[in-house]
Amino acid sequence: MESTLLVLRVSPKSSSDAIVGWHGGALKVKVRAAPEDGRANAAVVIVLAAALDLPQKSITLESGQTSRNKRVRIHGLGSVVVKARLAALLSV
């Protein structure tokens, strides 16, 4: 099965949940949740799953549990498809 590793830069406690764009090679994601008890990490998974039209279980946080810089694995989609879906989302 195909998978893609994405590097994220997360901004917790933002005014909205959104994928903002690319920031120095990382995908910038804003979430309203506070970085307490894994709430921001869970919110990141929800935002990515919705944006990529995938179930939440297809997204795994590989590193950065307590950092703003995170690495997530997208299961079931190759990098070309992930980048195309993100490009379509960001161009709207």
Protein backbone atom coordinates (compact mmCIF):
# COMPACT_ATOMS: atom_id res chain seq x y z
CA MET A 1 0.00 0.00 0.00
CA GLU A 2 1.22 3.48 -0.84
CA SER A 3 1.97 6.07 1.82
CA THR A 4 3.31 9.60 1.98
CA LEU A 5 5.29 11.35 4.70
CA LEU A 6 4.32 14.98 5.25
CA VAL A 7 6.24 17.51 7.32
CA LEU A 8 3.95 19.93 9.14
CA ARG A 9 4.31 23.22 10.97
CA VAL A 10 1.36 23.48 13.36
CA SER A 11 -0.06 26.62 14.94
CA PRO A 12 -2.28 25.62 17.87
CA LYS A 13 -4.81 27.93 19.53
CA SER A 14 -5.58 29.66 16.22
CA SER A 15 -8.85 31.34 15.37
CA SER A 16 -9.78 28.59 12.88
CA ASP A 17 -8.88 25.12 11.68
CA ALA A 18 -7.21 25.42 8.28
CA ILE A 19 -4.40 24.38 6.01
CA VAL A 20 -2.63 27.63 5.25
CA GLY A 21 0.02 26.66 2.69
CA TRP A 22 3.66 25.72 2.44
CA HIS A 23 6.15 27.23 4.87
CA GLY A 24 9.82 26.38 4.27
CA GLY A 25 9.13 22.88 2.96
CA ALA A 26 6.50 22.12 5.60
CA LEU A 27 2.74 22.29 5.28
CA LYS A 28 1.42 24.92 7.68
CA VAL A 29 -1.71 23.83 9.55
CA LYS A 30 -3.69 25.98 11.99
CA VAL A 31 -5.94 24.39 14.63
CA ARG A 32 -8.15 25.92 17.29
CA ALA A 33 -7.29 23.25 19.86
CA ALA A 34 -4.77 23.94 22.60
CA PRO A 35 -1.60 21.85 22.73
CA GLU A 36 -2.75 20.04 25.88
CA ASP A 37 -3.35 16.31 26.31
CA GLY A 38 -2.91 15.66 22.58
CA ARG A 39 -5.90 17.80 21.57
CA ALA A 40 -3.97 19.80 18.97
CA ASN A 41 -2.54 16.58 17.48
CA ALA A 42 -6.03 15.10 17.20
CA ALA A 43 -7.27 18.30 15.55
CA VAL A 44 -4.42 18.16 13.01
CA VAL A 45 -5.45 14.62 12.05
CA ILE A 46 -9.08 15.72 11.64
CA VAL A 47 -8.13 18.71 9.46
CA LEU A 48 -5.82 16.64 7.24
CA ALA A 49 -8.31 13.80 6.90
CA ALA A 50 -11.04 16.21 5.80
CA ALA A 51 -8.74 18.03 3.38
CA LEU A 52 -7.49 14.81 1.77
CA ASP A 53 -10.89 13.09 1.83
CA LEU A 54 -9.57 10.19 3.91
CA PRO A 55 -10.67 8.46 7.11
CA GLN A 56 -8.82 9.68 10.20
CA LYS A 57 -7.30 6.24 10.76
CA SER A 58 -5.34 6.73 7.49
CA ILE A 59 -3.23 9.45 9.12
CA THR A 60 -0.56 8.58 11.69
CA LEU A 61 1.52 11.05 13.67
CA GLU A 62 5.07 9.69 13.41
CA SER A 63 7.01 12.35 15.29
CA GLY A 64 6.60 15.73 16.96
CA GLN A 65 3.94 14.83 19.50
CA THR A 66 4.96 17.79 21.69
CA SER A 67 6.44 20.04 19.00
CA ARG A 68 5.02 22.46 16.46
CA ASN A 69 7.06 20.59 13.84
CA LYS A 70 5.43 17.25 13.11
CA ARG A 71 5.75 14.38 10.68
CA VAL A 72 2.63 12.52 9.63
CA ARG A 73 2.23 9.44 7.49
CA ILE A 74 -0.67 9.42 5.03
CA HIS A 75 -1.62 5.79 4.35
CA GLY A 76 -3.33 4.83 1.10
CA LEU A 77 -2.22 7.76 -1.07
CA GLY A 78 1.00 8.36 -2.96
CA SER A 79 2.83 11.66 -2.79
CA VAL A 80 1.61 12.76 -6.25
CA VAL A 81 -2.04 12.39 -5.22
CA VAL A 82 -1.48 14.06 -1.83
CA LYS A 83 0.27 17.03 -3.43
CA ALA A 84 -2.44 17.34 -6.10
CA ARG A 85 -5.23 17.34 -3.50
CA LEU A 86 -3.41 19.90 -1.37
CA ALA A 87 -2.70 22.09 -4.41
CA ALA A 88 -6.39 22.00 -5.36
CA LEU A 89 -7.37 22.92 -1.81
CA LEU A 90 -4.87 25.77 -1.55
CA SER A 91 -5.77 27.25 -4.93
CA VAL A 92 -9.41 27.81 -3.94
